[in-house]
Amino acid sequence: MRHLIPVLGLLGLLAAPATHAAPLAHPLHAVASFTVLADVVAQVGGSHVSVTSLVPPDGDPHEFEPSPDDARQLRQADIVFMSGEGLESWFGRLAHAAGYQGRPVIVSNGISAYTQPGAGQPETDPHVWNSVPNVIIWTNNIRDALIAADPVDAESFRISAARYVMRLKALDQDIRTQIATIPADRRRVLTSHDAFGYFGRAYGVTFMAPQGLSTETEAAAGDVAALIDQIRRTGITTYFMENATDPRLVQQVAHATGARPGGELYAEALSPASGPAPDYIAMMRHNTDLMVAAMRPR
């Protein structure tokens, strides 16, 4: 995923957006790379910002294929937000197709990157939002970028960001309280791919998955066999599918181990508005509730 970083660097992706010389039409037109990020931008921007997500609900941000309409959205944006850490490997192609010369905001700047231990080739985990403290960093970076783009509404952005941070801190504490009810030796979860490394580091849960950090990579047969053996030894009894990934591989592992389905986790995409994870906070509560129910001694 990281081979496109030099290309993105040429586009100035790591810099903050330049302030506009002329007053902007309101609301500010913001484009975010995927739904989780779009929701956080909307929470900070409030009525002063209209947010479009390029990757749709239930969409995979790894394998996203931009359309001509996405190129149009990018050309018309006043400000663009990306998570970074190699997640949006498709953005270089989209920027080229759109003739986009702007400087997107990388909201994960300042986050302590996680590298999966034991990996043959070290690779940074891009799924930073699965730790709530990281989204507090997102929120502050988004606030500062919106103030730079629209200084007239700076105070509103500061107030919205502060209120959202308070909600995030309460969410973080609630997750820690729930996980603490589970004995340490039972804090293990089987899911589709390695999207929960930051959750595991923050909240003390071990995740096992047949597929790596990106859904673009295929799991090797030997790795799947080793995972099956590990699950049998550790006694995991429940597996989870993810809303934006192919379920067949984790179902194969479950069939070999006798694990039962525990529901659907939202690892990197929100649900539609009518679903169980229409916003970031709802997504984290939904995921935590399912995991805790599966880990709890029966």
Protein backbone atom coordinates (compact mmCIF):
# COMPACT_ATOMS: atom_id res chain seq x y z
CA MET A 1 0.00 0.00 0.00
CA ARG A 2 2.86 2.33 0.70
CA HIS A 3 4.28 2.41 -2.84
CA LEU A 4 2.03 5.35 -3.74
CA ILE A 5 3.22 7.55 -0.88
CA PRO A 6 5.95 9.29 -2.98
CA VAL A 7 3.32 10.10 -5.61
CA LEU A 8 0.99 11.48 -3.00
CA GLY A 9 3.85 13.46 -1.55
CA LEU A 10 4.28 15.25 -4.85
CA LEU A 11 0.72 16.43 -4.49
CA GLY A 12 1.58 17.96 -1.12
CA LEU A 13 -0.63 15.63 0.88
CA LEU A 14 1.18 16.10 4.14
CA ALA A 15 0.69 19.85 4.21
CA ALA A 16 -2.27 21.74 5.62
CA PRO A 17 -4.62 23.27 3.06
CA ALA A 18 -3.81 26.76 1.91
CA THR A 19 -6.24 29.41 3.11
CA HIS A 20 -8.43 30.92 0.43
CA ALA A 21 -7.80 34.50 -0.52
CA ALA A 22 -11.49 35.18 -1.19
CA PRO A 23 -14.40 34.38 1.14
CA LEU A 24 -15.87 30.92 0.55
CA ALA A 25 -19.46 30.13 -0.23
CA HIS A 26 -21.19 28.47 2.70
CA PRO A 27 -21.43 25.77 3.70
CA LEU A 28 -17.83 24.74 3.05
CA HIS A 29 -17.72 21.79 0.64
CA ALA A 30 -15.55 19.10 2.26
CA VAL A 31 -14.67 15.75 0.72
CA ALA A 32 -13.51 12.87 2.94
CA SER A 33 -11.99 9.65 1.69
CA PHE A 34 -14.33 7.24 3.53
CA THR A 35 -17.40 7.22 5.75
CA VAL A 36 -15.79 6.99 9.19
CA LEU A 37 -13.71 10.08 8.47
CA ALA A 38 -16.62 11.88 6.82
CA ASP A 39 -18.68 11.48 9.99
CA VAL A 40 -15.97 12.99 12.20
CA VAL A 41 -15.56 15.92 9.79
CA ALA A 42 -19.32 16.48 9.93
CA GLN A 43 -19.29 16.41 13.74
CA VAL A 44 -16.66 19.18 13.84
CA GLY A 45 -17.94 21.18 10.89
CA GLY A 46 -21.59 21.29 11.91
CA SER A 47 -23.85 23.46 9.77
CA HIS A 48 -20.86 25.31 8.30
CA VAL A 49 -19.60 22.26 6.38
CA SER A 50 -21.21 19.95 3.82
CA VAL A 51 -19.36 16.61 3.74
CA THR A 52 -19.16 14.05 0.94
CA SER A 53 -17.57 10.63 1.43
CA LEU A 54 -15.87 9.15 -1.64
CA VAL A 55 -16.12 5.54 -0.40
CA PRO A 56 -19.82 4.82 0.30
CA PRO A 57 -21.35 3.15 3.39
CA ASP A 58 -20.39 -0.55 3.62
CA GLY A 59 -17.61 0.19 1.11
CA ASP A 60 -14.06 -1.17 1.33
CA PRO A 61 -11.57 1.75 1.45
CA HIS A 62 -8.73 -0.59 0.37
CA GLU A 63 -10.29 -1.80 -2.89
CA PHE A 64 -12.33 1.29 -3.77
CA GLU A 65 -12.53 2.09 -7.50
CA PRO A 66 -13.16 5.83 -8.03
CA SER A 67 -15.75 6.91 -10.59
CA PRO A 68 -15.98 10.03 -12.80
CA ASP A 69 -18.40 11.47 -10.24
CA ASP A 70 -15.72 11.06 -7.56
CA ALA A 71 -13.32 13.03 -9.76
CA ARG A 72 -15.92 15.77 -10.08
CA GLN A 73 -16.43 15.87 -6.31
CA LEU A 74 -12.68 16.21 -5.82
CA ARG A 75 -12.39 19.08 -8.31
CA GLN A 76 -15.24 20.97 -6.62
CA ALA A 77 -14.03 20.47 -3.03
CA ASP A 78 -13.01 23.43 -0.88
CA ILE A 79 -11.08 21.05 1.42
CA VAL A 80 -10.21 17.35 1.25
CA PHE A 81 -9.55 15.00 4.18
CA MET A 82 -7.66 11.70 4.14
CA SER A 83 -6.66 9.34 6.94
CA GLY A 84 -3.25 8.49 5.50
CA GLU A 85 -0.85 5.71 6.59
CA GLY A 86 -1.30 4.09 3.17
CA LEU A 87 -5.05 3.49 3.49
CA GLU A 88 -6.14 5.40 0.38
CA SER A 89 -3.88 3.69 -2.15
CA TRP A 90 -6.28 4.70 -4.93
CA PHE A 91 -6.08 8.45 -4.28
CA GLY A 92 -3.11 9.08 -6.56
CA ARG A 93 -5.05 7.70 -9.55
CA LEU A 94 -8.12 9.73 -8.63
CA ALA A 95 -6.15 12.96 -8.20
CA HIS A 96 -4.49 12.46 -11.58
CA ALA A 97 -7.80 11.72 -13.31
CA ALA A 98 -9.43 14.76 -11.71
CA GLY A 99 -6.53 17.10 -12.42
CA TYR A 100 -6.59 17.84 -8.70
CA GLN A 101 -3.74 20.08 -7.53
CA GLY A 102 -4.91 20.75 -3.98
CA ARG A 103 -3.31 19.70 -0.70
CA PRO A 104 -5.47 17.25 1.27
CA VAL A 105 -5.35 17.22 5.04
CA ILE A 106 -3.87 14.03 6.51
CA VAL A 107 -5.82 13.71 9.74
CA SER A 108 -3.67 10.91 11.20
CA ASN A 109 -0.63 13.15 11.55
CA GLY A 110 0.53 12.94 15.17
CA ILE A 111 -0.80 9.44 15.82
CA SER A 112 1.63 6.81 17.08
CA ALA A 113 1.63 4.25 14.28
CA TYR A 114 1.09 0.57 15.05
CA THR A 115 3.09 -2.16 13.32
CA GLN A 116 1.82 -5.70 13.76
CA PRO A 117 4.32 -7.75 15.80
CA GLY A 118 5.78 -10.84 14.19
CA ALA A 119 5.11 -9.72 10.63
CA GLY A 120 7.77 -10.75 8.12
CA GLN A 121 7.77 -7.38 6.41
CA PRO A 122 6.94 -4.53 8.82
CA GLU A 123 3.89 -2.62 7.59
CA THR A 124 2.09 0.23 9.28
CA ASP A 125 -1.51 -0.52 10.22
CA PRO A 126 -3.71 2.19 8.64
CA HIS A 127 -6.83 1.46 10.76
CA VAL A 128 -6.06 4.16 13.33
CA TRP A 129 -9.71 5.05 14.08
CA ASN A 130 -10.33 1.76 15.91
CA SER A 131 -8.73 3.39 18.96
CA VAL A 132 -10.85 6.25 20.29
CA PRO A 133 -7.87 8.34 21.51
CA ASN A 134 -6.65 8.41 17.91
CA VAL A 135 -9.94 9.91 16.78
CA ILE A 136 -9.48 12.66 19.36
CA ILE A 137 -6.28 13.50 17.46
CA TRP A 138 -8.27 13.37 14.22
CA THR A 139 -10.80 15.77 15.69
CA ASN A 140 -8.19 18.34 16.65
CA ASN A 141 -6.49 18.10 13.25
CA ILE A 142 -9.84 18.52 11.49
CA ARG A 143 -10.71 21.52 13.68
CA ASP A 144 -7.44 23.25 12.83
CA ALA A 145 -7.81 22.55 9.10
CA LEU A 146 -11.38 23.89 9.01
CA ILE A 147 -10.31 27.03 10.87
CA ALA A 148 -7.53 27.56 8.31
CA ALA A 149 -9.99 27.14 5.44
CA ASP A 150 -12.83 29.17 7.02
CA PRO A 151 -11.51 31.47 9.78
CA VAL A 152 -14.82 33.34 9.97
CA ASP A 153 -16.42 30.30 11.63
CA ALA A 154 -13.41 29.42 13.77
CA GLU A 155 -15.22 29.71 17.10
CA SER A 156 -17.99 27.39 15.96
CA PHE A 157 -15.42 24.78 14.92
CA ARG A 158 -13.66 25.06 18.28
CA ILE A 159 -16.93 24.59 20.19
CA SER A 160 -18.07 21.64 18.07
CA ALA A 161 -14.68 19.95 18.36
CA ALA A 162 -14.58 20.40 22.15
CA ARG A 163 -18.07 18.93 22.53
CA TYR A 164 -17.22 15.98 20.32
CA VAL A 165 -13.99 15.31 22.22
CA MET A 166 -16.00 15.12 25.44
CA ARG A 167 -18.25 12.49 23.84
CA LEU A 168 -15.21 10.58 22.59
CA LYS A 169 -13.61 10.56 26.04
CA ALA A 170 -16.82 9.15 27.51
CA LEU A 171 -16.90 6.50 24.77
CA ASP A 172 -13.29 5.55 25.44
CA GLN A 173 -13.99 5.11 29.16
CA ASP A 174 -17.11 3.04 28.45
CA ILE A 175 -15.13 0.66 26.20
CA ARG A 176 -12.42 0.24 28.85
CA THR A 177 -15.06 -0.49 31.49
CA GLN A 178 -16.71 -3.14 29.32
CA ILE A 179 -13.44 -4.86 28.38
CA ALA A 180 -12.41 -4.91 32.05
CA THR A 181 -15.34 -7.26 32.78
CA ILE A 182 -13.69 -9.95 30.63
CA PRO A 183 -10.91 -12.13 32.13
CA ALA A 184 -7.59 -11.33 30.44
CA ASP A 185 -7.17 -14.89 29.13
CA ARG A 186 -10.48 -14.64 27.25
CA ARG A 187 -9.80 -11.37 25.45
CA ARG A 188 -9.39 -12.93 22.00
CA VAL A 189 -11.41 -12.24 18.86
CA LEU A 190 -11.46 -13.93 15.43
CA THR A 191 -12.33 -11.61 12.56
CA SER A 192 -11.89 -11.33 8.79
CA HIS A 193 -8.69 -9.28 8.45
CA ASP A 194 -6.20 -7.37 10.59
CA ALA A 195 -8.20 -4.17 11.03
CA PHE A 196 -8.31 -4.02 14.83
CA GLY A 197 -4.65 -3.68 15.82
CA TYR A 198 -5.20 -0.24 17.35
CA PHE A 199 -8.24 -1.47 19.26
CA GLY A 200 -6.20 -4.37 20.59
CA ARG A 201 -3.31 -2.13 21.64
CA ALA A 202 -5.60 0.41 23.33
CA TYR A 203 -7.97 -1.97 25.09
CA GLY A 204 -5.98 -5.16 25.67
CA VAL A 205 -7.67 -7.51 23.20
CA THR A 206 -5.88 -10.02 20.94
CA PHE A 207 -7.24 -10.28 17.40
CA MET A 208 -6.73 -13.19 15.03
CA ALA A 209 -7.50 -12.99 11.31
CA PRO A 210 -6.79 -15.09 8.21
CA GLN A 211 -6.14 -12.00 6.07
CA GLY A 212 -3.56 -9.24 6.53
CA LEU A 213 -3.84 -5.47 6.98
CA SER A 214 -5.33 -4.91 3.53
CA THR A 215 -8.16 -6.76 1.86
CA GLU A 216 -6.15 -6.38 -1.37
CA THR A 217 -3.74 -9.10 -0.18
CA GLU A 218 -4.47 -12.84 -0.21
CA ALA A 219 -3.90 -15.06 2.79
CA ALA A 220 -1.30 -17.80 2.27
CA ALA A 221 -2.48 -21.38 2.83
CA GLY A 222 0.23 -21.96 5.44
CA ASP A 223 -0.83 -18.87 7.39
CA VAL A 224 -4.46 -20.00 7.39
CA ALA A 225 -3.46 -23.47 8.61
CA ALA A 226 -1.35 -21.94 11.41
CA LEU A 227 -4.26 -19.70 12.41
CA ILE A 228 -6.63 -22.68 12.57
CA ASP A 229 -4.19 -24.48 14.84
CA GLN A 230 -3.82 -21.41 17.07
CA ILE A 231 -7.59 -20.99 17.39
CA ARG A 232 -8.00 -24.63 18.39
CA ARG A 233 -5.34 -24.21 21.09
CA THR A 234 -6.74 -20.95 22.48
CA GLY A 235 -10.34 -22.09 22.48
CA ILE A 236 -11.96 -19.23 20.53
CA THR A 237 -15.60 -20.18 20.03
CA THR A 238 -16.97 -17.20 18.07
CA TYR A 239 -16.00 -15.53 14.80
CA PHE A 240 -17.00 -12.21 13.28
CA MET A 241 -17.52 -11.11 9.71
CA GLU A 242 -16.97 -7.51 8.61
CA ASN A 243 -19.45 -5.42 6.69
CA ALA A 244 -17.01 -4.38 3.95
CA THR A 245 -15.06 -7.62 3.35
CA ASP A 246 -15.58 -11.01 1.71
CA PRO A 247 -16.74 -13.40 4.47
CA ARG A 248 -15.67 -16.67 2.81
CA LEU A 249 -12.17 -16.93 4.25
CA VAL A 250 -13.15 -16.37 7.88
CA GLN A 251 -16.07 -18.76 7.38
CA GLN A 252 -13.58 -21.39 6.16
CA VAL A 253 -11.53 -20.92 9.33
CA ALA A 254 -14.68 -21.09 11.46
CA HIS A 255 -15.80 -24.32 9.77
CA ALA A 256 -12.41 -25.90 10.52
CA THR A 257 -12.46 -24.85 14.17
CA GLY A 258 -16.13 -25.12 15.06
CA ALA A 259 -16.42 -21.41 15.87
CA ARG A 260 -19.92 -19.94 15.75
CA PRO A 261 -20.92 -16.66 14.05
CA GLY A 262 -21.05 -13.70 16.45
CA GLY A 263 -22.40 -11.03 14.13
CA GLU A 264 -21.02 -8.35 11.86
CA LEU A 265 -18.32 -5.88 12.88
CA TYR A 266 -17.85 -2.48 11.25
CA ALA A 267 -14.07 -2.23 10.96
CA GLU A 268 -13.55 0.46 8.32
CA ALA A 269 -16.92 1.55 6.96
CA LEU A 270 -20.11 2.84 8.53
CA SER A 271 -23.47 1.29 7.81
CA PRO A 272 -26.21 3.16 5.95
CA ALA A 273 -28.27 5.49 8.16
CA SER A 274 -30.78 2.71 8.90
CA GLY A 275 -28.08 0.26 10.05
CA PRO A 276 -26.44 -0.36 13.44
CA ALA A 277 -23.38 1.81 12.79
CA PRO A 278 -24.51 5.05 11.11
CA ASP A 279 -21.83 7.15 12.85
CA TYR A 280 -18.43 6.59 14.46
CA ILE A 281 -19.58 6.47 18.09
CA ALA A 282 -22.43 4.07 17.25
CA MET A 283 -19.94 1.92 15.29
CA MET A 284 -17.55 1.63 18.23
CA ARG A 285 -20.36 0.81 20.67
CA HIS A 286 -21.79 -1.81 18.32
CA ASN A 287 -18.41 -3.48 17.80
CA THR A 288 -17.56 -3.46 21.51
CA ASP A 289 -20.94 -4.88 22.52
CA LEU A 290 -20.57 -7.81 20.09
CA MET A 291 -16.98 -8.55 21.10
CA VAL A 292 -17.70 -8.44 24.82
CA ALA A 293 -20.71 -10.74 24.43
CA ALA A 294 -18.53 -13.24 22.51
CA MET A 295 -15.63 -13.11 25.00
CA ARG A 296 -17.74 -13.36 28.15
CA PRO A 297 -17.51 -16.74 29.91
CA ARG A 298 -20.61 -18.83 29.29
